[in-house]
Amino acid sequence: DRVQVRFGEGPCVDAAVDGFVTRSDDL
């Protein structure tokens, strides 16, 4: 979470702000 907050990007940020479900099957 701290990494996503620092960079302002990631699945959690995308889900919370833009969409309902954000999923990555293979990073």
PDB file of all heavy atoms in Angstrom:
ATOM      1  N   ASP A   1       0.843  -1.202   0.000  1.00  0.00           N
ATOM      2  CA  ASP A   1       0.000   0.000   0.000  1.00  0.00           C
ATOM      3  C   ASP A   1       0.874   1.247   0.000  1.00  0.00           C
ATOM      4  O   ASP A   1       0.613   2.214  -0.724  1.00  0.00           O
ATOM      5  CB  ASP A   1      -0.913   0.022   1.230  1.00  0.00           C
ATOM      6  CG  ASP A   1      -2.096  -0.918   1.103  1.00  0.00           C
ATOM      7  OD1 ASP A   1      -2.355  -1.386  -0.022  1.00  0.00           O
ATOM      8  OD2 ASP A   1      -2.749  -1.182   2.122  1.00  0.00           O
ATOM      9  N   ARG A   2       1.916   1.237   0.829  1.00  0.00           N
ATOM     10  CA  ARG A   2       2.808   2.394   0.892  1.00  0.00           C
ATOM     11  C   ARG A   2       3.515   2.619  -0.443  1.00  0.00           C
ATOM     12  O   ARG A   2       3.743   3.767  -0.849  1.00  0.00           O
ATOM     13  CB  ARG A   2       3.819   2.217   2.028  1.00  0.00           C
ATOM     14  CG  ARG A   2       3.218   2.428   3.409  1.00  0.00           C
ATOM     15  CD  ARG A   2       4.270   2.447   4.480  1.00  0.00           C
ATOM     16  NE  ARG A   2       4.791   1.106   4.760  1.00  0.00           N
ATOM     17  CZ  ARG A   2       4.270   0.287   5.664  1.00  0.00           C
ATOM     18  NH1 ARG A   2       3.205   0.663   6.360  1.00  0.00           N
ATOM     19  NH2 ARG A   2       4.793  -0.902   5.879  1.00  0.00           N
ATOM     20  N   VAL A   3       3.860   1.536  -1.130  1.00  0.00           N
ATOM     21  CA  VAL A   3       4.475   1.661  -2.450  1.00  0.00           C
ATOM     22  C   VAL A   3       3.496   2.321  -3.425  1.00  0.00           C
ATOM     23  O   VAL A   3       3.858   3.235  -4.188  1.00  0.00           O
ATOM     24  CB  VAL A   3       4.914   0.279  -2.978  1.00  0.00           C
ATOM     25  CG1 VAL A   3       5.369   0.384  -4.435  1.00  0.00           C
ATOM     26  CG2 VAL A   3       6.034  -0.295  -2.113  1.00  0.00           C
ATOM     27  N   GLN A   4       2.248   1.885  -3.400  1.00  0.00           N
ATOM     28  CA  GLN A   4       1.241   2.450  -4.302  1.00  0.00           C
ATOM     29  C   GLN A   4       0.986   3.921  -3.993  1.00  0.00           C
ATOM     30  O   GLN A   4       0.828   4.750  -4.901  1.00  0.00           O
ATOM     31  CB  GLN A   4      -0.058   1.652  -4.212  1.00  0.00           C
ATOM     32  CG  GLN A   4       0.078   0.223  -4.714  1.00  0.00           C
ATOM     33  CD  GLN A   4      -1.243  -0.517  -4.721  1.00  0.00           C
ATOM     34  OE1 GLN A   4      -2.082  -0.285  -5.586  1.00  0.00           O
ATOM     35  NE2 GLN A   4      -1.422  -1.415  -3.766  1.00  0.00           N
ATOM     36  N   VAL A   5       0.947   4.245  -2.701  1.00  0.00           N
ATOM     37  CA  VAL A   5       0.743   5.641  -2.310  1.00  0.00           C
ATOM     38  C   VAL A   5       1.922   6.491  -2.780  1.00  0.00           C
ATOM     39  O   VAL A   5       1.741   7.602  -3.298  1.00  0.00           O
ATOM     40  CB  VAL A   5       0.563   5.747  -0.781  1.00  0.00           C
ATOM     41  CG1 VAL A   5       0.587   7.210  -0.337  1.00  0.00           C
ATOM     42  CG2 VAL A   5      -0.735   5.080  -0.348  1.00  0.00           C
ATOM     43  N   ARG A   6       3.140   5.987  -2.617  1.00  0.00           N
ATOM     44  CA  ARG A   6       4.326   6.746  -3.004  1.00  0.00           C
ATOM     45  C   ARG A   6       4.358   7.022  -4.503  1.00  0.00           C
ATOM     46  O   ARG A   6       4.672   8.125  -4.935  1.00  0.00           O
ATOM     47  CB  ARG A   6       5.591   5.998  -2.573  1.00  0.00           C
ATOM     48  CG  ARG A   6       6.872   6.772  -2.864  1.00  0.00           C
ATOM     49  CD  ARG A   6       8.065   6.168  -2.160  1.00  0.00           C
ATOM     50  NE  ARG A   6       8.517   4.935  -2.784  1.00  0.00           N
ATOM     51  CZ  ARG A   6       8.451   3.738  -2.238  1.00  0.00           C
ATOM     52  NH1 ARG A   6       7.913   3.587  -1.035  1.00  0.00           N
ATOM     53  NH2 ARG A   6       8.915   2.667  -2.873  1.00  0.00           N
ATOM     54  N   PHE A   7       4.007   6.019  -5.294  1.00  0.00           N
ATOM     55  CA  PHE A   7       4.066   6.171  -6.740  1.00  0.00           C
ATOM     56  C   PHE A   7       2.751   6.667  -7.347  1.00  0.00           C
ATOM     57  O   PHE A   7       2.711   7.080  -8.514  1.00  0.00           O
ATOM     58  CB  PHE A   7       4.448   4.841  -7.398  1.00  0.00           C
ATOM     59  CG  PHE A   7       5.851   4.402  -7.100  1.00  0.00           C
ATOM     60  CD1 PHE A   7       6.121   3.074  -6.807  1.00  0.00           C
ATOM     61  CD2 PHE A   7       6.896   5.312  -7.120  1.00  0.00           C
ATOM     62  CE1 PHE A   7       7.422   2.655  -6.544  1.00  0.00           C
ATOM     63  CE2 PHE A   7       8.200   4.904  -6.856  1.00  0.00           C
ATOM     64  CZ  PHE A   7       8.463   3.575  -6.568  1.00  0.00           C
ATOM     65  N   GLY A   8       1.671   6.606  -6.570  1.00  0.00           N
ATOM     66  CA  GLY A   8       0.370   7.024  -7.101  1.00  0.00           C
ATOM     67  C   GLY A   8      -0.174   6.104  -8.162  1.00  0.00           C
ATOM     68  O   GLY A   8      -0.954   6.523  -9.028  1.00  0.00           O
ATOM     69  N   GLU A   9       0.218   4.829  -8.110  1.00  0.00           N
ATOM     70  CA  GLU A   9      -0.261   3.862  -9.094  1.00  0.00           C
ATOM     71  C   GLU A   9      -0.303   2.476  -8.471  1.00  0.00           C
ATOM     72  O   GLU A   9       0.373   2.204  -7.477  1.00  0.00           O
ATOM     73  CB  GLU A   9       0.663   3.837 -10.317  1.00  0.00           C
ATOM     74  CG  GLU A   9       2.058   3.316 -10.019  1.00  0.00           C
ATOM     75  CD  GLU A   9       2.924   3.186 -11.267  1.00  0.00           C
ATOM     76  OE1 GLU A   9       2.810   4.056 -12.156  1.00  0.00           O
ATOM     77  OE2 GLU A   9       3.716   2.219 -11.347  1.00  0.00           O
ATOM     78  N   GLY A  10      -1.117   1.606  -9.065  1.00  0.00           N
ATOM     79  CA  GLY A  10      -1.232   0.237  -8.598  1.00  0.00           C
ATOM     80  C   GLY A  10      -2.670  -0.228  -8.633  1.00  0.00           C
ATOM     81  O   GLY A  10      -3.595   0.573  -8.830  1.00  0.00           O
ATOM     82  N   PRO A  11      -2.905  -1.511  -8.452  1.00  0.00           N
ATOM     83  CA  PRO A  11      -4.264  -2.052  -8.554  1.00  0.00           C
ATOM     84  C   PRO A  11      -5.216  -1.494  -7.512  1.00  0.00           C
ATOM     85  O   PRO A  11      -6.395  -1.273  -7.797  1.00  0.00           O
ATOM     86  CB  PRO A  11      -4.052  -3.565  -8.377  1.00  0.00           C
ATOM     87  CG  PRO A  11      -2.728  -3.684  -7.679  1.00  0.00           C
ATOM     88  CD  PRO A  11      -1.909  -2.544  -8.170  1.00  0.00           C
ATOM     89  N   CYS A  12      -4.715  -1.278  -6.299  1.00  0.00           N
ATOM     90  CA  CYS A  12      -5.589  -0.760  -5.245  1.00  0.00           C
ATOM     91  C   CYS A  12      -6.030   0.661  -5.561  1.00  0.00           C
ATOM     92  O   CYS A  12      -7.197   1.011  -5.416  1.00  0.00           O
ATOM     93  CB  CYS A  12      -4.866  -0.799  -3.903  1.00  0.00           C
ATOM     94  SG  CYS A  12      -5.822  -0.075  -2.571  1.00  0.00           S
ATOM     95  N   VAL A  13      -5.094   1.495  -6.004  1.00  0.00           N
ATOM     96  CA  VAL A  13      -5.431   2.869  -6.371  1.00  0.00           C
ATOM     97  C   VAL A  13      -6.419   2.884  -7.525  1.00  0.00           C
ATOM     98  O   VAL A  13      -7.408   3.633  -7.517  1.00  0.00           O
ATOM     99  CB  VAL A  13      -4.155   3.654  -6.728  1.00  0.00           C
ATOM    100  CG1 VAL A  13      -4.511   5.039  -7.267  1.00  0.00           C
ATOM    101  CG2 VAL A  13      -3.243   3.776  -5.515  1.00  0.00           C
ATOM    102  N   ASP A  14      -6.192   2.041  -8.522  1.00  0.00           N
ATOM    103  CA  ASP A  14      -7.110   1.978  -9.659  1.00  0.00           C
ATOM    104  C   ASP A  14      -8.507   1.550  -9.222  1.00  0.00           C
ATOM    105  O   ASP A  14      -9.515   2.134  -9.637  1.00  0.00           O
ATOM    106  CB  ASP A  14      -6.585   0.992 -10.710  1.00  0.00           C
ATOM    107  CG  ASP A  14      -5.443   1.573 -11.531  1.00  0.00           C
ATOM    108  OD1 ASP A  14      -5.046   2.733 -11.260  1.00  0.00           O
ATOM    109  OD2 ASP A  14      -4.926   0.866 -12.423  1.00  0.00           O
ATOM    110  N   ALA A  15      -8.572   0.515  -8.387  1.00  0.00           N
ATOM    111  CA  ALA A  15      -9.874   0.018  -7.936  1.00  0.00           C
ATOM    112  C   ALA A  15     -10.597   1.060  -7.103  1.00  0.00           C
ATOM    113  O   ALA A  15     -11.809   1.267  -7.255  1.00  0.00           O
ATOM    114  CB  ALA A  15      -9.704  -1.279  -7.144  1.00  0.00           C
ATOM    115  N   ALA A  16      -9.868   1.712  -6.200  1.00  0.00           N
ATOM    116  CA  ALA A  16     -10.491   2.674  -5.295  1.00  0.00           C
ATOM    117  C   ALA A  16     -10.988   3.914  -6.021  1.00  0.00           C
ATOM    118  O   ALA A  16     -12.004   4.501  -5.653  1.00  0.00           O
ATOM    119  CB  ALA A  16      -9.503   3.073  -4.205  1.00  0.00           C
ATOM    120  N   VAL A  17     -10.282   4.316  -7.076  1.00  0.00           N
ATOM    121  CA  VAL A  17     -10.581   5.587  -7.725  1.00  0.00           C
ATOM    122  C   VAL A  17     -11.408   5.415  -8.995  1.00  0.00           C
ATOM    123  O   VAL A  17     -12.355   6.167  -9.243  1.00  0.00           O
ATOM    124  CB  VAL A  17      -9.270   6.338  -8.039  1.00  0.00           C
ATOM    125  CG1 VAL A  17      -9.554   7.612  -8.833  1.00  0.00           C
ATOM    126  CG2 VAL A  17      -8.520   6.664  -6.753  1.00  0.00           C
ATOM    127  N   ASP A  18     -11.064   4.429  -9.806  1.00  0.00           N
ATOM    128  CA  ASP A  18     -11.632   4.367 -11.154  1.00  0.00           C
ATOM    129  C   ASP A  18     -12.599   3.212 -11.425  1.00  0.00           C
ATOM    130  O   ASP A  18     -13.493   3.338 -12.259  1.00  0.00           O
ATOM    131  CB  ASP A  18     -10.510   4.284 -12.197  1.00  0.00           C
ATOM    132  CG  ASP A  18      -9.639   5.530 -12.186  1.00  0.00           C
ATOM    133  OD1 ASP A  18     -10.201   6.615 -11.984  1.00  0.00           O
ATOM    134  OD2 ASP A  18      -8.418   5.405 -12.349  1.00  0.00           O
ATOM    135  N   GLY A  19     -12.409   2.073 -10.801  1.00  0.00           N
ATOM    136  CA  GLY A  19     -13.216   0.920 -11.185  1.00  0.00           C
ATOM    137  C   GLY A  19     -13.573   0.052 -10.000  1.00  0.00           C
ATOM    138  O   GLY A  19     -13.115   0.273  -8.895  1.00  0.00           O
ATOM    139  N   PHE A  20     -14.422  -0.943 -10.248  1.00  0.00           N
ATOM    140  CA  PHE A  20     -14.863  -1.789  -9.151  1.00  0.00           C
ATOM    141  C   PHE A  20     -13.851  -2.893  -8.843  1.00  0.00           C
ATOM    142  O   PHE A  20     -13.488  -3.109  -7.698  1.00  0.00           O
ATOM    143  CB  PHE A  20     -16.224  -2.403  -9.466  1.00  0.00           C
ATOM    144  CG  PHE A  20     -16.765  -3.221  -8.316  1.00  0.00           C
ATOM    145  CD1 PHE A  20     -16.935  -2.658  -7.072  1.00  0.00           C
ATOM    146  CD2 PHE A  20     -17.082  -4.563  -8.487  1.00  0.00           C
ATOM    147  CE1 PHE A  20     -17.420  -3.411  -5.998  1.00  0.00           C
ATOM    148  CE2 PHE A  20     -17.568  -5.317  -7.428  1.00  0.00           C
ATOM    149  CZ  PHE A  20     -17.733  -4.734  -6.184  1.00  0.00           C
ATOM    150  N   VAL A  21     -13.408  -3.607  -9.868  1.00  0.00           N
ATOM    151  CA  VAL A  21     -12.452  -4.697  -9.671  1.00  0.00           C
ATOM    152  C   VAL A  21     -11.238  -4.459 -10.563  1.00  0.00           C
ATOM    153  O   VAL A  21     -11.379  -4.214 -11.759  1.00  0.00           O
ATOM    154  CB  VAL A  21     -13.077  -6.071 -10.006  1.00  0.00           C
ATOM    155  CG1 VAL A  21     -12.035  -7.177  -9.817  1.00  0.00           C
ATOM    156  CG2 VAL A  21     -14.302  -6.334  -9.144  1.00  0.00           C
ATOM    157  N   THR A  22     -10.056  -4.506  -9.962  1.00  0.00           N
ATOM    158  CA  THR A  22      -8.813  -4.432 -10.724  1.00  0.00           C
ATOM    159  C   THR A  22      -8.016  -5.696 -10.433  1.00  0.00           C
ATOM    160  O   THR A  22      -7.731  -5.997  -9.275  1.00  0.00           O
ATOM    161  CB  THR A  22      -7.988  -3.193 -10.340  1.00  0.00           C
ATOM    162  OG1 THR A  22      -8.775  -2.019 -10.567  1.00  0.00           O
ATOM    163  CG2 THR A  22      -6.718  -3.107 -11.174  1.00  0.00           C
ATOM    164  N   ARG A  23      -7.646  -6.406 -11.484  1.00  0.00           N
ATOM    165  CA  ARG A  23      -7.032  -7.723 -11.312  1.00  0.00           C
ATOM    166  C   ARG A  23      -5.833  -7.883 -12.233  1.00  0.00           C
ATOM    167  O   ARG A  23      -5.871  -7.484 -13.387  1.00  0.00           O
ATOM    168  CB  ARG A  23      -8.094  -8.788 -11.613  1.00  0.00           C
ATOM    169  CG  ARG A  23      -7.628 -10.228 -11.629  1.00  0.00           C
ATOM    170  CD  ARG A  23      -8.859 -11.099 -11.821  1.00  0.00           C
ATOM    171  NE  ARG A  23      -8.591 -12.382 -12.412  1.00  0.00           N
ATOM    172  CZ  ARG A  23      -9.531 -13.207 -12.882  1.00  0.00           C
ATOM    173  NH1 ARG A  23     -10.804 -12.858 -12.815  1.00  0.00           N
ATOM    174  NH2 ARG A  23      -9.212 -14.380 -13.393  1.00  0.00           N
ATOM    175  N   SER A  24      -4.777  -8.456 -11.686  1.00  0.00           N
ATOM    176  CA  SER A  24      -3.610  -8.811 -12.492  1.00  0.00           C
ATOM    177  C   SER A  24      -3.278 -10.264 -12.203  1.00  0.00           C
ATOM    178  O   SER A  24      -2.944 -10.625 -11.070  1.00  0.00           O
ATOM    179  CB  SER A  24      -2.416  -7.916 -12.164  1.00  0.00           C
ATOM    180  OG  SER A  24      -1.296  -8.285 -12.956  1.00  0.00           O
ATOM    181  N   ASP A  25      -3.381 -11.106 -13.223  1.00  0.00           N
ATOM    182  CA  ASP A  25      -3.149 -12.537 -13.031  1.00  0.00           C
ATOM    183  C   ASP A  25      -1.669 -12.899 -12.988  1.00  0.00           C
ATOM    184  O   ASP A  25      -1.297 -13.911 -12.381  1.00  0.00           O
ATOM    185  CB  ASP A  25      -3.829 -13.329 -14.155  1.00  0.00           C
ATOM    186  CG  ASP A  25      -5.346 -13.257 -14.061  1.00  0.00           C
ATOM    187  OD1 ASP A  25      -5.856 -13.232 -12.924  1.00  0.00           O
ATOM    188  OD2 ASP A  25      -6.007 -13.216 -15.111  1.00  0.00           O
ATOM    189  N   ASP A  26      -0.839 -12.090 -13.629  1.00  0.00           N
ATOM    190  CA  ASP A  26       0.591 -12.401 -13.678  1.00  0.00           C
ATOM    191  C   ASP A  26       1.376 -11.095 -13.759  1.00  0.00           C
ATOM    192  O   ASP A  26       1.454 -10.458 -14.812  1.00  0.00           O
ATOM    193  CB  ASP A  26       0.896 -13.282 -14.895  1.00  0.00           C
ATOM    194  CG  ASP A  26       2.342 -13.770 -14.907  1.00  0.00           C
ATOM    195  OD1 ASP A  26       3.130 -13.350 -14.029  1.00  0.00           O
ATOM    196  OD2 ASP A  26       2.681 -14.576 -15.785  1.00  0.00           O
ATOM    197  N   LEU A  27       1.936 -10.689 -12.629  1.00  0.00           N
ATOM    198  CA  LEU A  27       2.635  -9.413 -12.578  1.00  0.00           C
ATOM    199  C   LEU A  27       3.919  -9.407 -13.406  1.00  0.00           C
ATOM    200  O   LEU A  27       4.441  -8.330 -13.718  1.00  0.00           O
ATOM    201  CB  LEU A  27       2.953  -9.048 -11.124  1.00  0.00           C
ATOM    202  CG  LEU A  27       1.753  -8.600 -10.274  1.00  0.00           C
ATOM    203  CD1 LEU A  27       2.173  -8.418  -8.817  1.00  0.00           C
ATOM    204  CD2 LEU A  27       1.140  -7.322 -10.809  1.00  0.00           C
TER     205      LEU A  27
END
